[in-house]
Amino acid sequence: MKNISIWLSAIRLRTLPLSISGIIVAGCLAEYNGVFNWQVFLLAIAATISYQVLSNLANDYGDAEKGTDNEDRIGPERAIQSGSISPDEMLHAIRMNILICIGLTIGLIYSAFGSKHLLLALLFFGIAAFAVRSAIKYTMGNTAYGYRGLGDVYVFLFFGIISVVGCYVLFAKQFDHVTVLPAIALGLLSAGVLNLNNMRDIETDLKSNKITTAVKLGREKAKNYHNFLVIGAILTTFLFGVLYYVSPFNLIFFLAYIPLILHLKRVNAITNLTDFDPELKKLALSTVLLAVLLGIGHLF
């Protein structure tokens, strides 16, 4: 086994907090409605992290396989690219991670539904299978959707809709309209994180024929698209605050607008592609902050 620090770098720890933002919001909404379950909550977090790790490992393998990760890449050096992990070792880790995903998913679905709600259980097994396939096919294989400008759609779906709406159903065994606006907001911000990554890599991706949304739009239009994603999330959560207002404390998540607005100001002023990289962490953490404050604020 390679040094633990190498594998921790490969799984990209900085991406993990963003992946559980939707679970936090769903858990708070479930608590407010009296259907929260700690076991379901913790298993949902564990399963979500396992899917994110799977996606990160598969992304490392897929981009290395296609030559996208090369000496021209601006972001952090990848594991296979650096030679610290071989392609065969990465494939083995991907296979092991798939087994972990399956085990955690089975535990999560059984904890949520038991032997009841068979149709919902089958639905979530289907979603889990789709999630595993999507994590792998982002950059791996000849039909990788990340190379066809579809990554934003999948991120919006998994980090927003499925994360918030889907997780809430695990608690409540039914859909609730209160989850829709937060799901949209987190999906938009998560797509924004991906768009930042793609704006940073726009030149190397173009050379490698990785056709992301940023490559399709070009640098300036990609910035406009980024404004749309972040401002859209702000407006969506503002509408949520108005529609579901009970007390002033509900609106504590407005504080998260400050780093989001400052982030937009910085992004629009960037001319050097390397300057996009620090903004990735800032936007991801701002999204987590928004999720935590929105969820906690709804409880009071």
C-alpha atoms as a PDB file:
ATOM      1  CA  MET A   1       0.000   0.000   0.000  1.00  0.00           C
ATOM      2  CA  LYS A   2       1.304   3.413  -0.928  1.00  0.00           C
ATOM      3  CA  ASN A   3       1.873   6.065   1.684  1.00  0.00           C
ATOM      4  CA  ILE A   4      -1.428   7.215   3.153  1.00  0.00           C
ATOM      5  CA  SER A   5      -0.706  10.849   2.298  1.00  0.00           C
ATOM      6  CA  ILE A   6      -0.502   9.954  -1.395  1.00  0.00           C
ATOM      7  CA  TRP A   7      -3.929   8.334  -1.337  1.00  0.00           C
ATOM      8  CA  LEU A   8      -5.386  11.194   0.688  1.00  0.00           C
ATOM      9  CA  SER A   9      -4.125  13.506  -2.039  1.00  0.00           C
ATOM     10  CA  ALA A  10      -5.636  11.255  -4.712  1.00  0.00           C
ATOM     11  CA  ILE A  11      -9.106  11.294  -3.140  1.00  0.00           C
ATOM     12  CA  ARG A  12      -8.954  15.137  -3.025  1.00  0.00           C
ATOM     13  CA  LEU A  13     -10.101  15.887   0.505  1.00  0.00           C
ATOM     14  CA  ARG A  14     -10.999  19.466  -0.383  1.00  0.00           C
ATOM     15  CA  THR A  15     -13.877  18.231  -2.568  1.00  0.00           C
ATOM     16  CA  LEU A  16     -15.565  16.234   0.192  1.00  0.00           C
ATOM     17  CA  PRO A  17     -17.258  19.000   2.280  1.00  0.00           C
ATOM     18  CA  LEU A  18     -19.127  20.259  -0.793  1.00  0.00           C
ATOM     19  CA  SER A  19     -20.455  16.771  -1.504  1.00  0.00           C
ATOM     20  CA  ILE A  20     -22.287  16.567   1.835  1.00  0.00           C
ATOM     21  CA  SER A  21     -23.826  20.067   1.749  1.00  0.00           C
ATOM     22  CA  GLY A  22     -27.119  18.715   0.451  1.00  0.00           C
ATOM     23  CA  ILE A  23     -27.221  16.044   3.148  1.00  0.00           C
ATOM     24  CA  ILE A  24     -26.856  18.744   5.816  1.00  0.00           C
ATOM     25  CA  VAL A  25     -29.760  20.739   4.386  1.00  0.00           C
ATOM     26  CA  ALA A  26     -31.956  17.651   3.976  1.00  0.00           C
ATOM     27  CA  GLY A  27     -31.199  16.585   7.551  1.00  0.00           C
ATOM     28  CA  CYS A  28     -32.171  19.979   8.958  1.00  0.00           C
ATOM     29  CA  LEU A  29     -35.407  20.055   6.957  1.00  0.00           C
ATOM     30  CA  ALA A  30     -36.170  16.538   8.170  1.00  0.00           C
ATOM     31  CA  GLU A  31     -35.524  17.566  11.785  1.00  0.00           C
ATOM     32  CA  TYR A  32     -37.857  20.547  11.399  1.00  0.00           C
ATOM     33  CA  ASN A  33     -40.605  18.228  10.118  1.00  0.00           C
ATOM     34  CA  GLY A  34     -40.006  15.621  12.818  1.00  0.00           C
ATOM     35  CA  VAL A  35     -38.698  12.812  10.583  1.00  0.00           C
ATOM     36  CA  PHE A  36     -34.937  13.030  11.239  1.00  0.00           C
ATOM     37  CA  ASN A  37     -32.962   9.831  11.895  1.00  0.00           C
ATOM     38  CA  TRP A  38     -29.303   9.927  12.967  1.00  0.00           C
ATOM     39  CA  GLN A  39     -28.480   6.536  11.488  1.00  0.00           C
ATOM     40  CA  VAL A  40     -29.852   7.515   8.087  1.00  0.00           C
ATOM     41  CA  PHE A  41     -28.058  10.872   8.282  1.00  0.00           C
ATOM     42  CA  LEU A  42     -24.627   9.387   9.065  1.00  0.00           C
ATOM     43  CA  LEU A  43     -24.964   6.608   6.500  1.00  0.00           C
ATOM     44  CA  ALA A  44     -26.065   9.154   3.886  1.00  0.00           C
ATOM     45  CA  ILE A  45     -22.932  11.205   4.594  1.00  0.00           C
ATOM     46  CA  ALA A  46     -20.707   8.117   4.424  1.00  0.00           C
ATOM     47  CA  ALA A  47     -22.302   6.904   1.183  1.00  0.00           C
ATOM     48  CA  THR A  48     -22.088  10.354  -0.403  1.00  0.00           C
ATOM     49  CA  ILE A  49     -18.411  10.668   0.471  1.00  0.00           C
ATOM     50  CA  SER A  50     -17.752   7.212  -0.978  1.00  0.00           C
ATOM     51  CA  TYR A  51     -19.364   8.242  -4.275  1.00  0.00           C
ATOM     52  CA  GLN A  52     -17.333  11.463  -4.342  1.00  0.00           C
ATOM     53  CA  VAL A  53     -14.100   9.563  -3.693  1.00  0.00           C
ATOM     54  CA  LEU A  54     -15.025   7.107  -6.462  1.00  0.00           C
ATOM     55  CA  SER A  55     -15.592  10.007  -8.844  1.00  0.00           C
ATOM     56  CA  ASN A  56     -12.257  11.607  -7.904  1.00  0.00           C
ATOM     57  CA  LEU A  57     -10.286   8.388  -8.384  1.00  0.00           C
ATOM     58  CA  ALA A  58     -12.018   7.633 -11.681  1.00  0.00           C
ATOM     59  CA  ASN A  59     -11.395  11.215 -12.808  1.00  0.00           C
ATOM     60  CA  ASP A  60      -7.691  10.842 -12.056  1.00  0.00           C
ATOM     61  CA  TYR A  61      -7.545   7.621 -14.062  1.00  0.00           C
ATOM     62  CA  GLY A  62      -9.662   8.870 -16.971  1.00  0.00           C
ATOM     63  CA  ASP A  63      -7.807  12.159 -17.457  1.00  0.00           C
ATOM     64  CA  ALA A  64      -4.436  10.397 -17.234  1.00  0.00           C
ATOM     65  CA  GLU A  65      -5.592   7.758 -19.724  1.00  0.00           C
ATOM     66  CA  LYS A  66      -6.599  10.453 -22.220  1.00  0.00           C
ATOM     67  CA  GLY A  67      -3.488  12.574 -21.693  1.00  0.00           C
ATOM     68  CA  THR A  68      -5.445  15.523 -20.289  1.00  0.00           C
ATOM     69  CA  ASP A  69      -3.308  15.576 -17.138  1.00  0.00           C
ATOM     70  CA  ASN A  70       0.043  16.722 -18.485  1.00  0.00           C
ATOM     71  CA  GLU A  71       2.819  19.188 -17.714  1.00  0.00           C
ATOM     72  CA  ASP A  72       0.684  22.098 -18.980  1.00  0.00           C
ATOM     73  CA  ARG A  73      -2.047  21.516 -16.385  1.00  0.00           C
ATOM     74  CA  ILE A  74      -2.486  24.431 -13.950  1.00  0.00           C
ATOM     75  CA  GLY A  75      -4.156  22.739 -10.977  1.00  0.00           C
ATOM     76  CA  PRO A  76      -2.665  20.390  -8.363  1.00  0.00           C
ATOM     77  CA  GLU A  77      -0.677  17.489  -9.816  1.00  0.00           C
ATOM     78  CA  ARG A  78      -2.724  14.297 -10.053  1.00  0.00           C
ATOM     79  CA  ALA A  79      -1.659  10.944  -8.630  1.00  0.00           C
ATOM     80  CA  ILE A  80      -1.156   9.017 -11.884  1.00  0.00           C
ATOM     81  CA  GLN A  81       0.249  12.082 -13.626  1.00  0.00           C
ATOM     82  CA  SER A  82       2.942  12.408 -10.949  1.00  0.00           C
ATOM     83  CA  GLY A  83       3.757   8.689 -11.028  1.00  0.00           C
ATOM     84  CA  SER A  84       3.022   8.286  -7.319  1.00  0.00           C
ATOM     85  CA  ILE A  85       0.204   5.828  -8.115  1.00  0.00           C
ATOM     86  CA  SER A  86       0.226   3.505 -11.118  1.00  0.00           C
ATOM     87  CA  PRO A  87      -2.813   3.068 -13.394  1.00  0.00           C
ATOM     88  CA  ASP A  88      -3.219  -0.535 -12.201  1.00  0.00           C
ATOM     89  CA  GLU A  89      -3.147   0.541  -8.558  1.00  0.00           C
ATOM     90  CA  MET A  90      -5.739   3.207  -9.310  1.00  0.00           C
ATOM     91  CA  LEU A  91      -7.997   0.695 -11.072  1.00  0.00           C
ATOM     92  CA  HIS A  92      -7.761  -1.599  -8.060  1.00  0.00           C
ATOM     93  CA  ALA A  93      -8.688   1.299  -5.752  1.00  0.00           C
ATOM     94  CA  ILE A  94     -11.648   2.165  -7.993  1.00  0.00           C
ATOM     95  CA  ARG A  95     -12.930  -1.429  -7.828  1.00  0.00           C
ATOM     96  CA  MET A  96     -12.556  -1.500  -4.038  1.00  0.00           C
ATOM     97  CA  ASN A  97     -14.351   1.837  -3.759  1.00  0.00           C
ATOM     98  CA  ILE A  98     -17.255   0.515  -5.834  1.00  0.00           C
ATOM     99  CA  LEU A  99     -17.666  -2.307  -3.296  1.00  0.00           C
ATOM    100  CA  ILE A 100     -17.633   0.266  -0.469  1.00  0.00           C
ATOM    101  CA  CYS A 101     -20.287   2.310  -2.273  1.00  0.00           C
ATOM    102  CA  ILE A 102     -22.474  -0.776  -2.679  1.00  0.00           C
ATOM    103  CA  GLY A 103     -22.101  -1.787   0.968  1.00  0.00           C
ATOM    104  CA  LEU A 104     -22.894   1.673   2.312  1.00  0.00           C
ATOM    105  CA  THR A 105     -25.821   2.076  -0.074  1.00  0.00           C
ATOM    106  CA  ILE A 106     -27.379  -1.203   1.010  1.00  0.00           C
ATOM    107  CA  GLY A 107     -26.986  -0.192   4.656  1.00  0.00           C
ATOM    108  CA  LEU A 108     -28.458   3.252   3.978  1.00  0.00           C
ATOM    109  CA  ILE A 109     -31.489   1.991   2.078  1.00  0.00           C
ATOM    110  CA  TYR A 110     -32.205  -0.725   4.649  1.00  0.00           C
ATOM    111  CA  SER A 111     -31.884   1.804   7.507  1.00  0.00           C
ATOM    112  CA  ALA A 112     -34.268   4.179   5.741  1.00  0.00           C
ATOM    113  CA  PHE A 113     -36.923   1.751   4.536  1.00  0.00           C
ATOM    114  CA  GLY A 114     -36.390  -1.575   6.314  1.00  0.00           C
ATOM    115  CA  SER A 115     -38.578  -4.226   4.743  1.00  0.00           C
ATOM    116  CA  LYS A 116     -41.245  -1.667   3.898  1.00  0.00           C
ATOM    117  CA  HIS A 117     -41.552   0.884   1.090  1.00  0.00           C
ATOM    118  CA  LEU A 118     -40.312  -1.614  -1.509  1.00  0.00           C
ATOM    119  CA  LEU A 119     -40.890   0.701  -4.461  1.00  0.00           C
ATOM    120  CA  LEU A 120     -38.893   3.512  -2.856  1.00  0.00           C
ATOM    121  CA  ALA A 121     -36.109   1.066  -1.999  1.00  0.00           C
ATOM    122  CA  LEU A 122     -35.963  -0.117  -5.607  1.00  0.00           C
ATOM    123  CA  LEU A 123     -35.944   3.493  -6.810  1.00  0.00           C
ATOM    124  CA  PHE A 124     -32.958   4.299  -4.623  1.00  0.00           C
ATOM    125  CA  PHE A 125     -31.089   1.181  -5.729  1.00  0.00           C
ATOM    126  CA  GLY A 126     -31.606   2.433  -9.275  1.00  0.00           C
ATOM    127  CA  ILE A 127     -30.313   5.895  -8.316  1.00  0.00           C
ATOM    128  CA  ALA A 128     -27.295   4.303  -6.628  1.00  0.00           C
ATOM    129  CA  ALA A 129     -26.477   2.264  -9.741  1.00  0.00           C
ATOM    130  CA  PHE A 130     -26.790   5.414 -11.845  1.00  0.00           C
ATOM    131  CA  ALA A 131     -24.524   7.277  -9.405  1.00  0.00           C
ATOM    132  CA  VAL A 132     -21.793   4.613  -9.597  1.00  0.00           C
ATOM    133  CA  ARG A 133     -21.938   4.592 -13.389  1.00  0.00           C
ATOM    134  CA  SER A 134     -21.903   8.394 -13.532  1.00  0.00           C
ATOM    135  CA  ALA A 135     -18.923   8.639 -11.161  1.00  0.00           C
ATOM    136  CA  ILE A 136     -16.939   6.320 -13.413  1.00  0.00           C
ATOM    137  CA  LYS A 137     -18.084   7.646 -16.785  1.00  0.00           C
ATOM    138  CA  TYR A 138     -17.260  11.292 -16.024  1.00  0.00           C
ATOM    139  CA  THR A 139     -13.832  10.916 -17.611  1.00  0.00           C
ATOM    140  CA  MET A 140     -13.329   7.166 -18.141  1.00  0.00           C
ATOM    141  CA  GLY A 141     -14.096   5.441 -21.431  1.00  0.00           C
ATOM    142  CA  ASN A 142     -14.766   6.591 -24.979  1.00  0.00           C
ATOM    143  CA  THR A 143     -18.144   8.120 -24.098  1.00  0.00           C
ATOM    144  CA  ALA A 144     -17.044  10.105 -21.024  1.00  0.00           C
ATOM    145  CA  TYR A 145     -19.695  12.785 -20.506  1.00  0.00           C
ATOM    146  CA  GLY A 146     -17.182  15.179 -18.920  1.00  0.00           C
ATOM    147  CA  TYR A 147     -15.570  15.449 -22.340  1.00  0.00           C
ATOM    148  CA  ARG A 148     -18.868  16.378 -23.993  1.00  0.00           C
ATOM    149  CA  GLY A 149     -19.881  19.376 -21.891  1.00  0.00           C
ATOM    150  CA  LEU A 150     -22.341  17.440 -19.732  1.00  0.00           C
ATOM    151  CA  GLY A 151     -20.488  17.550 -16.413  1.00  0.00           C
ATOM    152  CA  ASP A 152     -22.468  20.576 -15.224  1.00  0.00           C
ATOM    153  CA  VAL A 153     -25.770  18.750 -15.723  1.00  0.00           C
ATOM    154  CA  TYR A 154     -24.658  15.743 -13.706  1.00  0.00           C
ATOM    155  CA  VAL A 155     -23.211  17.902 -10.913  1.00  0.00           C
ATOM    156  CA  PHE A 156     -26.438  19.888 -10.681  1.00  0.00           C
ATOM    157  CA  LEU A 157     -28.422  16.665 -10.532  1.00  0.00           C
ATOM    158  CA  PHE A 158     -26.316  14.795  -7.959  1.00  0.00           C
ATOM    159  CA  PHE A 159     -25.100  17.659  -5.725  1.00  0.00           C
ATOM    160  CA  GLY A 160     -28.431  19.453  -5.838  1.00  0.00           C
ATOM    161  CA  ILE A 161     -31.593  17.532  -6.665  1.00  0.00           C
ATOM    162  CA  ILE A 162     -30.632  14.017  -5.583  1.00  0.00           C
ATOM    163  CA  SER A 163     -28.583  15.198  -2.608  1.00  0.00           C
ATOM    164  CA  VAL A 164     -31.315  17.359  -1.042  1.00  0.00           C
ATOM    165  CA  VAL A 165     -34.613  16.018  -2.391  1.00  0.00           C
ATOM    166  CA  GLY A 166     -33.434  12.399  -2.479  1.00  0.00           C
ATOM    167  CA  CYS A 167     -31.936  12.451   1.003  1.00  0.00           C
ATOM    168  CA  TYR A 168     -35.070  14.046   2.432  1.00  0.00           C
ATOM    169  CA  VAL A 169     -37.139  11.189   0.973  1.00  0.00           C
ATOM    170  CA  LEU A 170     -34.874   8.756   2.827  1.00  0.00           C
ATOM    171  CA  PHE A 171     -35.978  10.443   6.060  1.00  0.00           C
ATOM    172  CA  ALA A 172     -39.622  11.165   5.318  1.00  0.00           C
ATOM    173  CA  LYS A 173     -40.494   8.393   2.822  1.00  0.00           C
ATOM    174  CA  GLN A 174     -42.182  11.070   0.721  1.00  0.00           C
ATOM    175  CA  PHE A 175     -41.437  14.162  -1.347  1.00  0.00           C
ATOM    176  CA  ASP A 176     -41.796  17.632   0.188  1.00  0.00           C
ATOM    177  CA  HIS A 177     -41.829  20.877  -1.825  1.00  0.00           C
ATOM    178  CA  VAL A 178     -39.722  22.601   0.857  1.00  0.00           C
ATOM    179  CA  THR A 179     -36.657  20.784  -0.514  1.00  0.00           C
ATOM    180  CA  VAL A 180     -36.884  22.070  -4.100  1.00  0.00           C
ATOM    181  CA  LEU A 181     -35.425  25.581  -3.828  1.00  0.00           C
ATOM    182  CA  PRO A 182     -32.454  24.566  -1.617  1.00  0.00           C
ATOM    183  CA  ALA A 183     -31.763  21.693  -4.003  1.00  0.00           C
ATOM    184  CA  ILE A 184     -31.682  24.048  -6.983  1.00  0.00           C
ATOM    185  CA  ALA A 185     -29.427  26.521  -5.152  1.00  0.00           C
ATOM    186  CA  LEU A 186     -26.869  23.915  -4.095  1.00  0.00           C
ATOM    187  CA  GLY A 187     -26.945  22.381  -7.561  1.00  0.00           C
ATOM    188  CA  LEU A 188     -26.187  25.754  -9.138  1.00  0.00           C
ATOM    189  CA  LEU A 189     -23.317  26.506  -6.749  1.00  0.00           C
ATOM    190  CA  SER A 190     -21.837  23.032  -7.221  1.00  0.00           C
ATOM    191  CA  ALA A 191     -21.978  23.521 -10.979  1.00  0.00           C
ATOM    192  CA  GLY A 192     -20.205  26.816 -10.302  1.00  0.00           C
ATOM    193  CA  VAL A 193     -17.342  24.976  -8.596  1.00  0.00           C
ATOM    194  CA  LEU A 194     -17.000  22.718 -11.635  1.00  0.00           C
ATOM    195  CA  ASN A 195     -17.147  25.718 -13.954  1.00  0.00           C
ATOM    196  CA  LEU A 196     -14.295  27.380 -12.038  1.00  0.00           C
ATOM    197  CA  ASN A 197     -12.251  24.229 -12.457  1.00  0.00           C
ATOM    198  CA  ASN A 198     -13.046  24.186 -16.167  1.00  0.00           C
ATOM    199  CA  MET A 199     -12.246  27.895 -16.614  1.00  0.00           C
ATOM    200  CA  ARG A 200      -8.867  27.299 -14.973  1.00  0.00           C
ATOM    201  CA  ASP A 201      -8.173  24.393 -17.346  1.00  0.00           C
ATOM    202  CA  ILE A 202      -9.774  25.891 -20.460  1.00  0.00           C
ATOM    203  CA  GLU A 203      -6.586  26.038 -22.531  1.00  0.00           C
ATOM    204  CA  THR A 204      -5.230  22.589 -21.634  1.00  0.00           C
ATOM    205  CA  ASP A 205      -8.692  21.016 -21.997  1.00  0.00           C
ATOM    206  CA  LEU A 206      -9.026  22.504 -25.473  1.00  0.00           C
ATOM    207  CA  LYS A 207      -5.651  21.055 -26.472  1.00  0.00           C
ATOM    208  CA  SER A 208      -6.710  17.647 -25.117  1.00  0.00           C
ATOM    209  CA  ASN A 209     -10.106  17.804 -26.845  1.00  0.00           C
ATOM    210  CA  LYS A 210     -11.912  17.824 -23.485  1.00  0.00           C
ATOM    211  CA  ILE A 211     -14.977  19.841 -24.467  1.00  0.00           C
ATOM    212  CA  THR A 212     -16.303  21.278 -21.209  1.00  0.00           C
ATOM    213  CA  THR A 213     -18.973  23.970 -20.959  1.00  0.00           C
ATOM    214  CA  ALA A 214     -16.218  26.542 -20.411  1.00  0.00           C
ATOM    215  CA  VAL A 215     -14.449  25.394 -23.597  1.00  0.00           C
ATOM    216  CA  LYS A 216     -17.721  25.638 -25.517  1.00  0.00           C
ATOM    217  CA  LEU A 217     -18.465  29.133 -24.223  1.00  0.00           C
ATOM    218  CA  GLY A 218     -14.999  30.647 -24.207  1.00  0.00           C
ATOM    219  CA  ARG A 219     -13.421  32.525 -21.310  1.00  0.00           C
ATOM    220  CA  GLU A 220     -15.658  35.621 -21.152  1.00  0.00           C
ATOM    221  CA  LYS A 221     -18.964  33.827 -21.713  1.00  0.00           C
ATOM    222  CA  ALA A 222     -17.894  31.222 -19.157  1.00  0.00           C
ATOM    223  CA  LYS A 223     -17.575  34.077 -16.647  1.00  0.00           C
ATOM    224  CA  ASN A 224     -21.105  35.216 -17.544  1.00  0.00           C
ATOM    225  CA  TYR A 225     -22.308  31.653 -17.058  1.00  0.00           C
ATOM    226  CA  HIS A 226     -20.568  31.612 -13.669  1.00  0.00           C
ATOM    227  CA  ASN A 227     -22.361  34.829 -12.688  1.00  0.00           C
ATOM    228  CA  PHE A 228     -25.649  33.196 -13.676  1.00  0.00           C
ATOM    229  CA  LEU A 229     -24.951  30.142 -11.489  1.00  0.00           C
ATOM    230  CA  VAL A 230     -23.955  32.051  -8.343  1.00  0.00           C
ATOM    231  CA  ILE A 231     -26.532  34.833  -8.656  1.00  0.00           C
ATOM    232  CA  GLY A 232     -29.166  32.212  -9.475  1.00  0.00           C
ATOM    233  CA  ALA A 233     -28.337  30.408  -6.230  1.00  0.00           C
ATOM    234  CA  ILE A 234     -28.539  33.649  -4.256  1.00  0.00           C
ATOM    235  CA  LEU A 235     -31.938  34.523  -5.739  1.00  0.00           C
ATOM    236  CA  THR A 236     -33.240  30.981  -5.244  1.00  0.00           C
ATOM    237  CA  THR A 237     -32.300  30.896  -1.560  1.00  0.00           C
ATOM    238  CA  PHE A 238     -33.669  34.413  -1.091  1.00  0.00           C
ATOM    239  CA  LEU A 239     -36.991  33.197  -2.483  1.00  0.00           C
ATOM    240  CA  PHE A 240     -36.823  30.220  -0.122  1.00  0.00           C
ATOM    241  CA  GLY A 241     -36.291  32.599   2.795  1.00  0.00           C
ATOM    242  CA  VAL A 242     -39.328  34.661   1.800  1.00  0.00           C
ATOM    243  CA  LEU A 243     -41.684  31.755   1.106  1.00  0.00           C
ATOM    244  CA  TYR A 244     -40.823  29.781   4.250  1.00  0.00           C
ATOM    245  CA  TYR A 245     -40.237  32.689   6.607  1.00  0.00           C
ATOM    246  CA  VAL A 246     -41.182  32.133  10.247  1.00  0.00           C
ATOM    247  CA  SER A 247     -38.666  34.188  12.241  1.00  0.00           C
ATOM    248  CA  PRO A 248     -35.729  36.541  11.546  1.00  0.00           C
ATOM    249  CA  PHE A 249     -33.296  33.756  12.451  1.00  0.00           C
ATOM    250  CA  ASN A 250     -34.469  31.854   9.364  1.00  0.00           C
ATOM    251  CA  LEU A 251     -32.582  34.415   7.277  1.00  0.00           C
ATOM    252  CA  ILE A 252     -29.191  33.874   8.919  1.00  0.00           C
ATOM    253  CA  PHE A 253     -28.013  32.295   5.663  1.00  0.00           C
ATOM    254  CA  PHE A 254     -27.951  35.795   4.148  1.00  0.00           C
ATOM    255  CA  LEU A 255     -24.499  36.048   5.786  1.00  0.00           C
ATOM    256  CA  ALA A 256     -23.216  33.546   3.221  1.00  0.00           C
ATOM    257  CA  TYR A 257     -24.049  36.014   0.460  1.00  0.00           C
ATOM    258  CA  ILE A 258     -21.068  38.142   1.522  1.00  0.00           C
ATOM    259  CA  PRO A 259     -18.333  35.660   0.501  1.00  0.00           C
ATOM    260  CA  LEU A 260     -20.354  34.687  -2.589  1.00  0.00           C
ATOM    261  CA  ILE A 261     -20.580  38.288  -3.804  1.00  0.00           C
ATOM    262  CA  LEU A 262     -16.890  38.905  -3.041  1.00  0.00           C
ATOM    263  CA  HIS A 263     -16.091  35.714  -4.942  1.00  0.00           C
ATOM    264  CA  LEU A 264     -17.968  36.937  -8.008  1.00  0.00           C
ATOM    265  CA  LYS A 265     -16.137  40.243  -7.884  1.00  0.00           C
ATOM    266  CA  ARG A 266     -12.779  38.450  -7.854  1.00  0.00           C
ATOM    267  CA  VAL A 267     -13.709  35.999 -10.606  1.00  0.00           C
ATOM    268  CA  ASN A 268     -14.854  38.739 -12.951  1.00  0.00           C
ATOM    269  CA  ALA A 269     -11.547  40.571 -12.445  1.00  0.00           C
ATOM    270  CA  ILE A 270      -9.359  37.518 -13.197  1.00  0.00           C
ATOM    271  CA  THR A 271      -7.212  37.641 -16.323  1.00  0.00           C
ATOM    272  CA  ASN A 272      -4.654  34.945 -15.408  1.00  0.00           C
ATOM    273  CA  LEU A 273      -6.055  31.393 -15.503  1.00  0.00           C
ATOM    274  CA  THR A 274      -4.004  30.312 -12.475  1.00  0.00           C
ATOM    275  CA  ASP A 275      -5.961  32.782 -10.337  1.00  0.00           C
ATOM    276  CA  PHE A 276      -9.116  30.695 -10.718  1.00  0.00           C
ATOM    277  CA  ASP A 277      -7.642  27.876  -8.627  1.00  0.00           C
ATOM    278  CA  PRO A 278      -7.819  29.587  -5.180  1.00  0.00           C
ATOM    279  CA  GLU A 279     -11.435  30.501  -5.887  1.00  0.00           C
ATOM    280  CA  LEU A 280     -12.395  26.818  -6.079  1.00  0.00           C
ATOM    281  CA  LYS A 281     -11.874  26.325  -2.341  1.00  0.00           C
ATOM    282  CA  LYS A 282     -13.516  29.657  -1.515  1.00  0.00           C
ATOM    283  CA  LEU A 283     -16.681  28.884  -3.479  1.00  0.00           C
ATOM    284  CA  ALA A 284     -16.885  25.327  -2.144  1.00  0.00           C
ATOM    285  CA  LEU A 285     -16.575  26.500   1.478  1.00  0.00           C
ATOM    286  CA  SER A 286     -19.045  29.343   0.868  1.00  0.00           C
ATOM    287  CA  THR A 287     -21.512  26.751  -0.434  1.00  0.00           C
ATOM    288  CA  VAL A 288     -21.035  24.627   2.683  1.00  0.00           C
ATOM    289  CA  LEU A 289     -21.526  27.741   4.841  1.00  0.00           C
ATOM    290  CA  LEU A 290     -24.744  28.579   2.983  1.00  0.00           C
ATOM    291  CA  ALA A 291     -26.011  25.013   3.441  1.00  0.00           C
ATOM    292  CA  VAL A 292     -25.252  24.970   7.174  1.00  0.00           C
ATOM    293  CA  LEU A 293     -26.772  28.391   7.855  1.00  0.00           C
ATOM    294  CA  LEU A 294     -29.832  27.713   5.700  1.00  0.00           C
ATOM    295  CA  GLY A 295     -30.430  24.389   7.426  1.00  0.00           C
ATOM    296  CA  ILE A 296     -29.865  25.639  10.981  1.00  0.00           C
ATOM    297  CA  GLY A 297     -31.822  28.806  10.317  1.00  0.00           C
ATOM    298  CA  HIS A 298     -34.834  26.769   9.245  1.00  0.00           C
ATOM    299  CA  LEU A 299     -34.862  24.978  12.608  1.00  0.00           C
ATOM    300  CA  PHE A 300     -35.676  28.137  14.613  1.00  0.00           C
END
